[in-house]
C-alpha atoms as a PDB file:
ATOM      1  CA  MET A   1      55.478  55.538  25.807  1.00  0.00           C
ATOM      2  CA  GLU A   2      59.097  55.212  24.692  1.00  0.00           C
ATOM      3  CA  ALA A   3      58.983  51.469  25.369  1.00  0.00           C
ATOM      4  CA  VAL A   4      55.878  51.151  23.176  1.00  0.00           C
ATOM      5  CA  ARG A   5      57.511  53.141  20.365  1.00  0.00           C
ATOM      6  CA  ASN A   6      60.637  51.017  20.544  1.00  0.00           C
ATOM      7  CA  THR A   7      58.636  47.781  20.496  1.00  0.00           C
ATOM      8  CA  ILE A   8      56.919  48.893  17.301  1.00  0.00           C
ATOM      9  CA  ALA A   9      60.190  50.020  15.705  1.00  0.00           C
ATOM     10  CA  GLU A  10      62.068  46.910  16.719  1.00  0.00           C
ATOM     11  CA  ASN A  11      59.612  44.354  15.433  1.00  0.00           C
ATOM     12  CA  PHE A  12      57.309  45.553  12.696  1.00  0.00           C
ATOM     13  CA  GLY A  13      57.545  46.706   9.094  1.00  0.00           C
ATOM     14  CA  GLY A  14      56.319  49.664   7.071  1.00  0.00           C
ATOM     15  CA  ALA A  15      57.056  53.006   8.721  1.00  0.00           C
ATOM     16  CA  ALA A  16      57.808  51.382  12.088  1.00  0.00           C
ATOM     17  CA  HIS A  17      61.469  52.440  12.327  1.00  0.00           C
ATOM     18  CA  ALA A  18      60.486  56.096  12.187  1.00  0.00           C
ATOM     19  CA  VAL A  19      58.832  55.940  15.600  1.00  0.00           C
ATOM     20  CA  ALA A  20      62.071  55.051  17.408  1.00  0.00           C
ATOM     21  CA  GLY A  21      63.855  57.841  19.263  1.00  0.00           C
ATOM     22  CA  LYS A  22      66.092  60.236  17.355  1.00  0.00           C
ATOM     23  CA  ASP A  23      69.225  58.792  18.938  1.00  0.00           C
ATOM     24  CA  SER A  24      68.260  55.266  17.863  1.00  0.00           C
ATOM     25  CA  GLN A  25      67.884  55.884  14.140  1.00  0.00           C
ATOM     26  CA  PHE A  26      69.969  54.276  11.414  1.00  0.00           C
ATOM     27  CA  ASP A  27      69.169  54.329   7.702  1.00  0.00           C
ATOM     28  CA  ILE A  28      71.000  51.900   5.403  1.00  0.00           C
ATOM     29  CA  SER A  29      70.394  54.233   2.452  1.00  0.00           C
ATOM     30  CA  LYS A  30      72.405  57.091   3.926  1.00  0.00           C
ATOM     31  CA  ASP A  31      74.099  56.210   7.224  1.00  0.00           C
ATOM     32  CA  VAL A  32      76.403  53.348   6.218  1.00  0.00           C
ATOM     33  CA  PRO A  33      79.998  54.632   6.172  1.00  0.00           C
ATOM     34  CA  ASP A  34      82.283  54.231   3.166  1.00  0.00           C
ATOM     35  CA  LEU A  35      83.740  50.710   3.352  1.00  0.00           C
ATOM     36  CA  SER A  36      86.433  51.105   0.705  1.00  0.00           C
ATOM     37  CA  GLY A  37      89.242  48.642   1.376  1.00  0.00           C
ATOM     38  CA  LYS A  38      87.217  46.731   3.979  1.00  0.00           C
ATOM     39  CA  VAL A  39      86.685  42.963   3.872  1.00  0.00           C
ATOM     40  CA  ALA A  40      83.576  41.301   5.292  1.00  0.00           C
ATOM     41  CA  LEU A  41      82.366  37.757   5.881  1.00  0.00           C
ATOM     42  CA  ILE A  42      78.689  36.842   6.266  1.00  0.00           C
ATOM     43  CA  THR A  43      77.350  33.407   7.110  1.00  0.00           C
ATOM     44  CA  GLY A  44      73.991  32.790   5.498  1.00  0.00           C
ATOM     45  CA  GLY A  45      74.670  35.713   3.188  1.00  0.00           C
ATOM     46  CA  SER A  46      73.013  34.364   0.045  1.00  0.00           C
ATOM     47  CA  GLU A  47      69.397  34.982   1.056  1.00  0.00           C
ATOM     48  CA  GLY A  48      67.164  36.866   3.465  1.00  0.00           C
ATOM     49  CA  ILE A  49      68.710  39.228   6.008  1.00  0.00           C
ATOM     50  CA  GLY A  50      72.202  37.946   5.205  1.00  0.00           C
ATOM     51  CA  TYR A  51      71.795  38.778   1.529  1.00  0.00           C
ATOM     52  CA  ALA A  52      70.421  42.255   2.277  1.00  0.00           C
ATOM     53  CA  THR A  53      73.451  42.800   4.510  1.00  0.00           C
ATOM     54  CA  ALA A  54      75.890  41.618   1.840  1.00  0.00           C
ATOM     55  CA  TYR A  55      74.241  43.819  -0.786  1.00  0.00           C
ATOM     56  CA  THR A  56      74.366  46.852   1.516  1.00  0.00           C
ATOM     57  CA  LEU A  57      78.041  46.344   2.344  1.00  0.00           C
ATOM     58  CA  LEU A  58      78.912  45.988  -1.325  1.00  0.00           C
ATOM     59  CA  LYS A  59      76.935  49.117  -2.161  1.00  0.00           C
ATOM     60  CA  ALA A  60      79.012  50.919   0.482  1.00  0.00           C
ATOM     61  CA  LYS A  61      82.122  49.903  -1.528  1.00  0.00           C
ATOM     62  CA  ALA A  62      83.389  46.953   0.522  1.00  0.00           C
ATOM     63  CA  ALA A  63      86.436  45.549  -1.268  1.00  0.00           C
ATOM     64  CA  LYS A  64      85.465  41.912  -0.745  1.00  0.00           C
ATOM     65  CA  VAL A  65      82.543  40.067   0.815  1.00  0.00           C
ATOM     66  CA  PHE A  66      82.880  36.376   1.664  1.00  0.00           C
ATOM     67  CA  ILE A  67      79.538  34.602   1.793  1.00  0.00           C
ATOM     68  CA  ILE A  68      79.273  31.248   3.520  1.00  0.00           C
ATOM     69  CA  SER A  69      76.090  29.348   2.714  1.00  0.00           C
ATOM     70  CA  VAL A  70      74.815  25.951   1.607  1.00  0.00           C
ATOM     71  CA  SER A  71      72.719  26.468  -1.526  1.00  0.00           C
ATOM     72  CA  GLU A  72      74.404  27.070  -4.877  1.00  0.00           C
ATOM     73  CA  GLU A  73      71.026  28.052  -6.309  1.00  0.00           C
ATOM     74  CA  THR A  74      70.503  30.901  -3.851  1.00  0.00           C
ATOM     75  CA  ILE A  75      74.032  32.268  -4.251  1.00  0.00           C
ATOM     76  CA  ASP A  76      73.695  32.224  -8.032  1.00  0.00           C
ATOM     77  CA  GLY A  77      70.491  34.233  -7.712  1.00  0.00           C
ATOM     78  CA  ALA A  78      72.063  36.625  -5.225  1.00  0.00           C
ATOM     79  CA  ILE A  79      75.111  37.316  -7.391  1.00  0.00           C
ATOM     80  CA  GLU A  80      72.947  37.789 -10.466  1.00  0.00           C
ATOM     81  CA  GLU A  81      70.804  40.353  -8.647  1.00  0.00           C
ATOM     82  CA  ILE A  82      73.889  42.201  -7.398  1.00  0.00           C
ATOM     83  CA  LYS A  83      75.210  42.254 -10.964  1.00  0.00           C
ATOM     84  CA  GLU A  84      71.914  43.608 -12.304  1.00  0.00           C
ATOM     85  CA  GLN A  85      71.410  46.215  -9.581  1.00  0.00           C
ATOM     86  CA  LEU A  86      74.962  47.351  -8.803  1.00  0.00           C
ATOM     87  CA  GLY A  87      77.063  46.132 -11.706  1.00  0.00           C
ATOM     88  CA  SER A  88      79.565  43.396 -12.463  1.00  0.00           C
ATOM     89  CA  LYS A  89      82.434  45.018 -10.563  1.00  0.00           C
ATOM     90  CA  TYR A  90      80.406  44.702  -7.348  1.00  0.00           C
ATOM     91  CA  ALA A  91      79.347  41.121  -8.066  1.00  0.00           C
ATOM     92  CA  ASP A  92      82.986  40.233  -8.709  1.00  0.00           C
ATOM     93  CA  ARG A  93      83.814  41.214  -5.120  1.00  0.00           C
ATOM     94  CA  VAL A  94      81.729  38.317  -3.765  1.00  0.00           C
ATOM     95  CA  VAL A  95      83.561  35.136  -2.798  1.00  0.00           C
ATOM     96  CA  TRP A  96      81.194  32.252  -2.126  1.00  0.00           C
ATOM     97  CA  LEU A  97      82.248  29.353   0.079  1.00  0.00           C
ATOM     98  CA  GLN A  98      79.832  26.454   0.371  1.00  0.00           C
ATOM     99  CA  CYS A  99      79.524  25.218   3.931  1.00  0.00           C
ATOM    100  CA  ASP A 100      76.919  24.093   6.460  1.00  0.00           C
ATOM    101  CA  THR A 101      77.648  25.856   9.758  1.00  0.00           C
ATOM    102  CA  SER A 102      76.702  22.714  11.682  1.00  0.00           C
ATOM    103  CA  ASP A 103      79.626  20.871  10.052  1.00  0.00           C
ATOM    104  CA  LEU A 104      82.491  21.841  12.332  1.00  0.00           C
ATOM    105  CA  ILE A 105      85.231  20.172  10.283  1.00  0.00           C
ATOM    106  CA  ALA A 106      83.992  21.929   7.153  1.00  0.00           C
ATOM    107  CA  ILE A 107      83.854  25.209   9.089  1.00  0.00           C
ATOM    108  CA  ALA A 108      87.531  24.885  10.009  1.00  0.00           C
ATOM    109  CA  GLU A 109      88.440  24.122   6.399  1.00  0.00           C
ATOM    110  CA  THR A 110      86.362  27.068   5.198  1.00  0.00           C
ATOM    111  CA  ALA A 111      88.078  29.412   7.628  1.00  0.00           C
ATOM    112  CA  LYS A 112      91.427  28.330   6.155  1.00  0.00           C
ATOM    113  CA  LYS A 113      90.161  29.166   2.668  1.00  0.00           C
ATOM    114  CA  VAL A 114      89.230  32.631   3.920  1.00  0.00           C
ATOM    115  CA  ARG A 115      92.655  33.161   5.483  1.00  0.00           C
ATOM    116  CA  ASP A 116      94.300  32.039   2.241  1.00  0.00           C
ATOM    117  CA  GLN A 117      92.388  34.665   0.247  1.00  0.00           C
ATOM    118  CA  THR A 118      92.665  37.785   2.393  1.00  0.00           C
ATOM    119  CA  ASP A 119      95.132  39.471   4.716  1.00  0.00           C
ATOM    120  CA  ARG A 120      92.415  41.338   6.617  1.00  0.00           C
ATOM    121  CA  LEU A 121      88.885  40.874   7.951  1.00  0.00           C
ATOM    122  CA  ASP A 122      87.075  43.992   9.154  1.00  0.00           C
ATOM    123  CA  ILE A 123      83.519  42.705   9.484  1.00  0.00           C
ATOM    124  CA  LEU A 124      82.267  39.301  10.620  1.00  0.00           C
ATOM    125  CA  CYS A 125      78.500  38.747  10.499  1.00  0.00           C
ATOM    126  CA  LEU A 126      77.331  35.516  12.113  1.00  0.00           C
ATOM    127  CA  ASN A 127      73.903  35.346  10.532  1.00  0.00           C
ATOM    128  CA  SER A 128      73.083  31.806   9.386  1.00  0.00           C
ATOM    129  CA  ALA A 129      70.559  30.010  11.549  1.00  0.00           C
ATOM    130  CA  ARG A 130      68.144  27.159  12.006  1.00  0.00           C
ATOM    131  CA  GLY A 131      64.772  28.729  12.655  1.00  0.00           C
ATOM    132  CA  ILE A 132      61.761  27.653  14.687  1.00  0.00           C
ATOM    133  CA  MET A 133      61.755  23.975  13.750  1.00  0.00           C
ATOM    134  CA  THR A 134      61.439  20.608  15.450  1.00  0.00           C
ATOM    135  CA  TYR A 135      64.158  19.015  17.558  1.00  0.00           C
ATOM    136  CA  GLN A 136      66.907  17.311  15.601  1.00  0.00           C
ATOM    137  CA  LEU A 137      70.390  16.060  16.365  1.00  0.00           C
ATOM    138  CA  THR A 138      73.400  16.447  14.112  1.00  0.00           C
ATOM    139  CA  ASP A 139      75.113  13.279  12.965  1.00  0.00           C
ATOM    140  CA  TYR A 140      77.663  13.831  15.745  1.00  0.00           C
ATOM    141  CA  GLY A 141      74.962  13.963  18.406  1.00  0.00           C
ATOM    142  CA  VAL A 142      74.351  17.645  19.246  1.00  0.00           C
ATOM    143  CA  ASP A 143      71.106  19.636  19.113  1.00  0.00           C
ATOM    144  CA  ARG A 144      71.035  21.111  15.606  1.00  0.00           C
ATOM    145  CA  HIS A 145      69.763  24.516  16.751  1.00  0.00           C
ATOM    146  CA  MET A 146      72.778  24.987  19.008  1.00  0.00           C
ATOM    147  CA  ALA A 147      75.158  23.480  16.449  1.00  0.00           C
ATOM    148  CA  VAL A 148      74.095  25.774  13.603  1.00  0.00           C
ATOM    149  CA  ASN A 149      73.235  28.934  15.509  1.00  0.00           C
ATOM    150  CA  HIS A 150      76.029  28.909  18.070  1.00  0.00           C
ATOM    151  CA  ILE A 151      78.731  26.226  18.087  1.00  0.00           C
ATOM    152  CA  GLY A 152      79.551  26.472  14.376  1.00  0.00           C
ATOM    153  CA  HIS A 153      79.922  30.224  14.672  1.00  0.00           C
ATOM    154  CA  VAL A 154      82.199  29.883  17.690  1.00  0.00           C
ATOM    155  CA  VAL A 155      84.446  27.496  15.764  1.00  0.00           C
ATOM    156  CA  LEU A 156      84.498  29.813  12.734  1.00  0.00           C
ATOM    157  CA  THR A 157      85.333  32.848  14.856  1.00  0.00           C
ATOM    158  CA  SER A 158      88.042  30.936  16.706  1.00  0.00           C
ATOM    159  CA  HIS A 159      89.773  30.002  13.453  1.00  0.00           C
ATOM    160  CA  LEU A 160      89.538  33.589  12.211  1.00  0.00           C
ATOM    161  CA  LEU A 161      90.780  35.199  15.439  1.00  0.00           C
ATOM    162  CA  PRO A 162      94.387  35.741  14.311  1.00  0.00           C
ATOM    163  CA  LEU A 163      93.139  37.543  11.198  1.00  0.00           C
ATOM    164  CA  LEU A 164      90.639  39.617  13.174  1.00  0.00           C
ATOM    165  CA  LYS A 165      93.257  40.576  15.756  1.00  0.00           C
ATOM    166  CA  GLU A 166      95.795  41.526  13.102  1.00  0.00           C
ATOM    167  CA  THR A 167      93.237  43.694  11.301  1.00  0.00           C
ATOM    168  CA  SER A 168      92.290  45.420  14.559  1.00  0.00           C
ATOM    169  CA  SER A 169      95.855  46.685  14.969  1.00  0.00           C
ATOM    170  CA  ASN A 170      95.110  49.230  12.242  1.00  0.00           C
ATOM    171  CA  GLY A 171      91.420  49.973  12.689  1.00  0.00           C
ATOM    172  CA  THR A 172      88.082  48.882  14.081  1.00  0.00           C
ATOM    173  CA  VAL A 173      86.868  45.322  13.598  1.00  0.00           C
ATOM    174  CA  ARG A 174      83.205  44.529  14.172  1.00  0.00           C
ATOM    175  CA  ILE A 175      81.657  41.139  14.923  1.00  0.00           C
ATOM    176  CA  GLN A 176      77.867  40.940  14.678  1.00  0.00           C
ATOM    177  CA  ILE A 177      75.942  37.974  16.064  1.00  0.00           C
ATOM    178  CA  GLN A 178      72.337  37.467  14.968  1.00  0.00           C
ATOM    179  CA  ALA A 179      70.279  36.904  18.096  1.00  0.00           C
ATOM    180  CA  SER A 180      66.553  37.599  18.551  1.00  0.00           C
ATOM    181  CA  ASN A 181      64.002  38.730  21.078  1.00  0.00           C
ATOM    182  CA  ALA A 182      62.978  35.074  20.890  1.00  0.00           C
ATOM    183  CA  HIS A 183      65.790  34.537  23.418  1.00  0.00           C
ATOM    184  CA  GLN A 184      63.076  35.235  25.971  1.00  0.00           C
ATOM    185  CA  ALA A 185      61.505  31.862  25.053  1.00  0.00           C
ATOM    186  CA  ALA A 186      64.445  30.043  26.631  1.00  0.00           C
ATOM    187  CA  SER A 187      63.608  28.535  29.991  1.00  0.00           C
ATOM    188  CA  SER A 188      64.671  30.490  33.067  1.00  0.00           C
ATOM    189  CA  GLU A 189      66.195  27.178  34.170  1.00  0.00           C
ATOM    190  CA  THR A 190      68.695  27.202  31.290  1.00  0.00           C
ATOM    191  CA  LYS A 191      72.162  26.503  32.717  1.00  0.00           C
ATOM    192  CA  PHE A 192      74.139  25.140  29.736  1.00  0.00           C
ATOM    193  CA  ALA A 193      75.344  22.582  32.276  1.00  0.00           C
ATOM    194  CA  SER A 194      75.788  19.567  30.025  1.00  0.00           C
ATOM    195  CA  LEU A 195      75.307  18.036  26.596  1.00  0.00           C
ATOM    196  CA  ASP A 196      72.352  16.123  28.007  1.00  0.00           C
ATOM    197  CA  GLU A 197      70.704  19.446  28.815  1.00  0.00           C
ATOM    198  CA  LEU A 198      71.292  20.711  25.266  1.00  0.00           C
ATOM    199  CA  ASN A 199      69.959  17.489  23.801  1.00  0.00           C
ATOM    200  CA  THR A 200      66.659  17.555  25.669  1.00  0.00           C
ATOM    201  CA  ASP A 201      63.750  18.230  23.317  1.00  0.00           C
ATOM    202  CA  LEU A 202      62.122  21.413  24.626  1.00  0.00           C
ATOM    203  CA  GLY A 203      59.909  22.136  21.622  1.00  0.00           C
ATOM    204  CA  PRO A 204      60.562  24.304  18.533  1.00  0.00           C
ATOM    205  CA  GLN A 205      60.267  27.755  20.082  1.00  0.00           C
ATOM    206  CA  GLU A 206      62.337  27.047  23.171  1.00  0.00           C
ATOM    207  CA  GLN A 207      65.048  25.232  21.190  1.00  0.00           C
ATOM    208  CA  TYR A 208      65.303  28.255  18.897  1.00  0.00           C
ATOM    209  CA  GLY A 209      65.079  30.741  21.762  1.00  0.00           C
ATOM    210  CA  ARG A 210      67.865  29.052  23.704  1.00  0.00           C
ATOM    211  CA  SER A 211      70.188  29.193  20.690  1.00  0.00           C
ATOM    212  CA  LYS A 212      69.463  32.919  20.338  1.00  0.00           C
ATOM    213  CA  LEU A 213      70.110  33.443  24.032  1.00  0.00           C
ATOM    214  CA  ALA A 214      73.493  31.834  23.383  1.00  0.00           C
ATOM    215  CA  GLY A 215      74.184  34.499  20.750  1.00  0.00           C
ATOM    216  CA  ILE A 216      73.742  37.359  23.218  1.00  0.00           C
ATOM    217  CA  LEU A 217      75.780  35.581  25.890  1.00  0.00           C
ATOM    218  CA  TYR A 218      78.544  34.885  23.362  1.00  0.00           C
ATOM    219  CA  ALA A 219      78.732  38.563  22.352  1.00  0.00           C
ATOM    220  CA  ARG A 220      79.032  39.593  25.984  1.00  0.00           C
ATOM    221  CA  TYR A 221      81.561  36.833  26.716  1.00  0.00           C
ATOM    222  CA  LEU A 222      83.771  38.030  23.853  1.00  0.00           C
ATOM    223  CA  THR A 223      83.396  41.601  25.058  1.00  0.00           C
ATOM    224  CA  THR A 224      84.612  40.581  28.522  1.00  0.00           C
ATOM    225  CA  HIS A 225      87.591  38.634  27.198  1.00  0.00           C
ATOM    226  CA  LEU A 226      88.467  39.543  23.603  1.00  0.00           C
ATOM    227  CA  ASN A 227      87.529  43.229  23.648  1.00  0.00           C
ATOM    228  CA  LYS A 228      89.418  43.665  26.908  1.00  0.00           C
ATOM    229  CA  SER A 229      92.709  42.663  25.268  1.00  0.00           C
ATOM    230  CA  HIS A 230      91.828  43.994  21.791  1.00  0.00           C
ATOM    231  CA  PRO A 231      89.657  47.094  22.315  1.00  0.00           C
ATOM    232  CA  ASN A 232      89.386  47.735  18.574  1.00  0.00           C
ATOM    233  CA  ILE A 233      87.334  44.545  18.194  1.00  0.00           C
ATOM    234  CA  LEU A 234      83.672  45.302  18.926  1.00  0.00           C
ATOM    235  CA  ILE A 235      81.272  42.404  19.415  1.00  0.00           C
ATOM    236  CA  ASN A 236      77.514  42.912  19.505  1.00  0.00           C
ATOM    237  CA  ALA A 237      74.341  40.850  19.231  1.00  0.00           C
ATOM    238  CA  THR A 238      71.319  41.980  17.224  1.00  0.00           C
ATOM    239  CA  HIS A 239      67.598  41.394  16.870  1.00  0.00           C
ATOM    240  CA  PRO A 240      66.286  41.895  13.303  1.00  0.00           C
ATOM    241  CA  GLY A 241      62.570  42.140  14.027  1.00  0.00           C
ATOM    242  CA  PHE A 242      59.705  40.193  12.472  1.00  0.00           C
ATOM    243  CA  VAL A 243      61.016  39.693   8.932  1.00  0.00           C
ATOM    244  CA  GLU A 244      59.617  38.110   5.762  1.00  0.00           C
ATOM    245  CA  THR A 245      62.213  35.386   5.151  1.00  0.00           C
ATOM    246  CA  LYS A 246      62.273  31.680   4.337  1.00  0.00           C
ATOM    247  CA  MET A 247      62.148  31.009   8.087  1.00  0.00           C
ATOM    248  CA  SER A 248      58.822  32.786   8.526  1.00  0.00           C
ATOM    249  CA  THR A 249      57.219  31.683   5.254  1.00  0.00           C
ATOM    250  CA  GLU A 250      58.408  28.104   4.697  1.00  0.00           C
ATOM    251  CA  ASP A 251      60.349  26.644   7.614  1.00  0.00           C
ATOM    252  CA  ILE A 252      57.630  27.555  10.112  1.00  0.00           C
ATOM    253  CA  HIS A 253      55.317  24.996   8.477  1.00  0.00           C
ATOM    254  CA  GLU A 254      57.657  22.160   9.468  1.00  0.00           C
ATOM    255  CA  PRO A 255      56.847  22.318  13.207  1.00  0.00           C
ATOM    256  CA  TYR A 256      53.411  23.874  12.757  1.00  0.00           C
ATOM    257  CA  PRO A 257      51.740  22.562   9.555  1.00  0.00           C
ATOM    258  CA  ILE A 258      48.507  24.462  10.259  1.00  0.00           C
ATOM    259  CA  LEU A 259      49.358  27.140  12.821  1.00  0.00           C
ATOM    260  CA  GLY A 260      52.349  28.094  10.685  1.00  0.00           C
ATOM    261  CA  TYR A 261      49.952  29.840   8.321  1.00  0.00           C
ATOM    262  CA  ALA A 262      49.269  32.428  11.031  1.00  0.00           C
ATOM    263  CA  MET A 263      52.894  33.529  10.880  1.00  0.00           C
ATOM    264  CA  ASP A 264      53.285  32.996   7.146  1.00  0.00           C
ATOM    265  CA  VAL A 265      50.083  34.541   5.817  1.00  0.00           C
ATOM    266  CA  GLY A 266      48.183  36.091   8.718  1.00  0.00           C
ATOM    267  CA  MET A 267      51.115  38.156   9.986  1.00  0.00           C
ATOM    268  CA  LYS A 268      52.397  39.122   6.531  1.00  0.00           C
ATOM    269  CA  PRO A 269      51.116  42.733   6.689  1.00  0.00           C
ATOM    270  CA  LEU A 270      53.130  43.332   9.886  1.00  0.00           C
ATOM    271  CA  LYS A 271      56.419  41.857   8.729  1.00  0.00           C
ATOM    272  CA  LYS A 272      59.501  43.763   7.668  1.00  0.00           C
ATOM    273  CA  ASP A 273      61.095  43.171   4.309  1.00  0.00           C
ATOM    274  CA  ILE A 274      64.721  42.053   4.306  1.00  0.00           C
ATOM    275  CA  TRP A 275      65.960  45.637   3.842  1.00  0.00           C
ATOM    276  CA  MET A 276      64.334  46.741   7.084  1.00  0.00           C
ATOM    277  CA  GLY A 277      65.328  43.421   8.624  1.00  0.00           C
ATOM    278  CA  CYS A 278      69.042  44.003   8.010  1.00  0.00           C
ATOM    279  CA  VAL A 279      69.203  47.491   9.576  1.00  0.00           C
ATOM    280  CA  SER A 280      70.364  46.508  13.065  1.00  0.00           C
ATOM    281  CA  THR A 281      72.777  43.997  11.520  1.00  0.00           C
ATOM    282  CA  VAL A 282      74.355  46.623   9.259  1.00  0.00           C
ATOM    283  CA  PHE A 283      74.525  49.133  12.112  1.00  0.00           C
ATOM    284  CA  ALA A 284      76.372  46.600  14.278  1.00  0.00           C
ATOM    285  CA  ALA A 285      78.649  45.651  11.385  1.00  0.00           C
ATOM    286  CA  THR A 286      79.617  49.142  10.255  1.00  0.00           C
ATOM    287  CA  ALA A 287      78.825  51.952  12.678  1.00  0.00           C
ATOM    288  CA  VAL A 288      78.495  50.858  16.308  1.00  0.00           C
ATOM    289  CA  THR A 289      81.169  52.271  18.622  1.00  0.00           C
ATOM    290  CA  LYS A 290      80.558  50.135  21.713  1.00  0.00           C
ATOM    291  CA  SER A 291      80.812  46.436  22.495  1.00  0.00           C
ATOM    292  CA  GLY A 292      78.654  43.944  24.367  1.00  0.00           C
ATOM    293  CA  LEU A 293      75.326  45.419  23.308  1.00  0.00           C
ATOM    294  CA  TYR A 294      72.058  43.777  22.348  1.00  0.00           C
ATOM    295  CA  ILE A 295      70.880  45.993  19.481  1.00  0.00           C
ATOM    296  CA  CYS A 296      67.306  46.096  18.232  1.00  0.00           C
ATOM    297  CA  PRO A 297      66.100  47.933  15.095  1.00  0.00           C
ATOM    298  CA  PRO A 298      66.883  50.404  13.941  1.00  0.00           C
ATOM    299  CA  ALA A 299      69.714  51.024  16.474  1.00  0.00           C
ATOM    300  CA  VAL A 300      68.093  50.663  19.887  1.00  0.00           C
ATOM    301  CA  GLU A 301      70.193  49.375  22.792  1.00  0.00           C
ATOM    302  CA  GLU A 302      68.153  46.928  24.850  1.00  0.00           C
ATOM    303  CA  PRO A 303      69.251  45.006  27.966  1.00  0.00           C
ATOM    304  CA  GLY A 304      67.745  41.652  26.989  1.00  0.00           C
ATOM    305  CA  ASN A 305      66.235  39.442  29.679  1.00  0.00           C
ATOM    306  CA  ASN A 306      67.929  38.653  32.983  1.00  0.00           C
ATOM    307  CA  LEU A 307      69.410  35.395  31.729  1.00  0.00           C
ATOM    308  CA  SER A 308      71.082  37.153  28.785  1.00  0.00           C
ATOM    309  CA  GLN A 309      72.833  39.445  31.267  1.00  0.00           C
ATOM    310  CA  ASP A 310      74.099  36.621  33.500  1.00  0.00           C
ATOM    311  CA  SER A 311      77.865  36.441  32.957  1.00  0.00           C
ATOM    312  CA  ALA A 312      78.139  33.197  34.936  1.00  0.00           C
ATOM    313  CA  VAL A 313      75.713  31.511  32.528  1.00  0.00           C
ATOM    314  CA  GLY A 314      77.736  32.921  29.628  1.00  0.00           C
ATOM    315  CA  GLU A 315      80.962  31.485  31.050  1.00  0.00           C
ATOM    316  CA  GLN A 316      79.298  28.094  31.492  1.00  0.00           C
ATOM    317  CA  LEU A 317      77.925  28.225  27.922  1.00  0.00           C
ATOM    318  CA  MET A 318      81.412  28.728  26.540  1.00  0.00           C
ATOM    319  CA  LYS A 319      82.934  26.083  28.824  1.00  0.00           C
ATOM    320  CA  LEU A 320      80.375  23.577  27.529  1.00  0.00           C
ATOM    321  CA  THR A 321      80.956  24.704  23.941  1.00  0.00           C
ATOM    322  CA  ARG A 322      84.687  24.026  24.244  1.00  0.00           C
ATOM    323  CA  GLU A 323      84.042  20.649  25.880  1.00  0.00           C
ATOM    324  CA  ILE A 324      81.678  19.572  23.094  1.00  0.00           C
ATOM    325  CA  VAL A 325      84.070  20.604  20.324  1.00  0.00           C
ATOM    326  CA  LYS A 326      87.004  18.887  22.021  1.00  0.00           C
ATOM    327  CA  ASP A 327      85.024  15.726  22.756  1.00  0.00           C
ATOM    328  CA  LYS A 328      83.461  15.416  19.309  1.00  0.00           C
ATOM    329  CA  PHE A 329      86.313  16.699  17.137  1.00  0.00           C
ATOM    330  CA  GLY A 330      89.449  16.654  19.272  1.00  0.00           C
ATOM    331  CA  ALA A 331      91.075  13.933  17.213  1.00  0.00           C
ATOM    332  CA  GLN A 332      90.653  15.992  14.023  1.00  0.00           C
ATOM    333  CA  SER A 333      91.676  19.336  15.496  1.00  0.00           C
ATOM    334  CA  VAL A 334      92.987  19.674  19.048  1.00  0.00           C
ATOM    335  CA  GLU A 335      95.245  16.642  18.832  1.00  0.00           C
ATOM    336  CA  LYS A 336      96.641  18.080  15.585  1.00  0.00           C
ATOM    337  CA  GLY A 337      97.642  21.337  17.189  1.00  0.00           C
ATOM    338  CA  CYS A 338      94.491  23.484  17.107  1.00  0.00           C
ATOM    339  CA  PRO A 339      94.625  25.610  20.289  1.00  0.00           C
ATOM    340  CA  LEU A 340      90.810  25.771  20.537  1.00  0.00           C
ATOM    341  CA  LYS A 341      90.982  29.389  21.665  1.00  0.00           C
ATOM    342  CA  ASP A 342      87.811  31.479  21.663  1.00  0.00           C
ATOM    343  CA  TYR A 343      89.418  34.829  22.518  1.00  0.00           C
END
């Protein structure tokens, strides 16, 4: 019965969260701690779950929120809404940096801009993502799902590590990685053995699922290595649930022109809005006290599938990630002194 209740709470909208166990509740309207003086960074923070997260952190008095996203139109709309709902002083705390998380050189440059504008970073939300869409390679020859949803975030985190470590010397730092229960769509044969494996077209759902599996493995990898040496840095992966966002209303029509309507329109009554969709994200970013978890809404600890718990697969994922970055961008970074450290 508890498993059924949690499934409802984790995935669906309306009053679904209320059916989760008492120890797994988290309410963004009353349970977010005071964030005065805290600095946050959110990728994909100008719309959808990322925007709801940014808004919630600002409402909780975060001193500064960096938002990394691509569209100037969406950030303008987001800042205007924050100004209207919370006031200009809150909107003025937003720093927007335009960047595509698949562009690894731009990510490194963006991280430098962040370091130049703050001496602390308390919250890092790795939220931006390519959704369930068709297979595509980046211009440097890597599966775009893995590039956007995983590799770009690893590079960003690596460049921000000194700042995160320094901040953790005087308090708790939280890194949240947006995963999904769609990680279960990844093949049980996933090994992360080579670039050729990553660049094999597996279909929209499995491509997406594999990139979300990588998110859980990355959180647990950082917990094994980074949290061990810096116990004040907590790293956790999250599942937001079935949320009404651009991914589920527009992007889904790209791989499934007709069947996409089932998710867009047919499933609309079951979806969460972005405020319910950001609950597990905000919990992981502000209140969680453990590391290496896979957190489902509202604040339910789930194990994930067997593959997501396989530390050997996680080690291989990160080995391959480093190899790809070095091979594709070594001349622009490693050969110029970048240590390419991920913990």
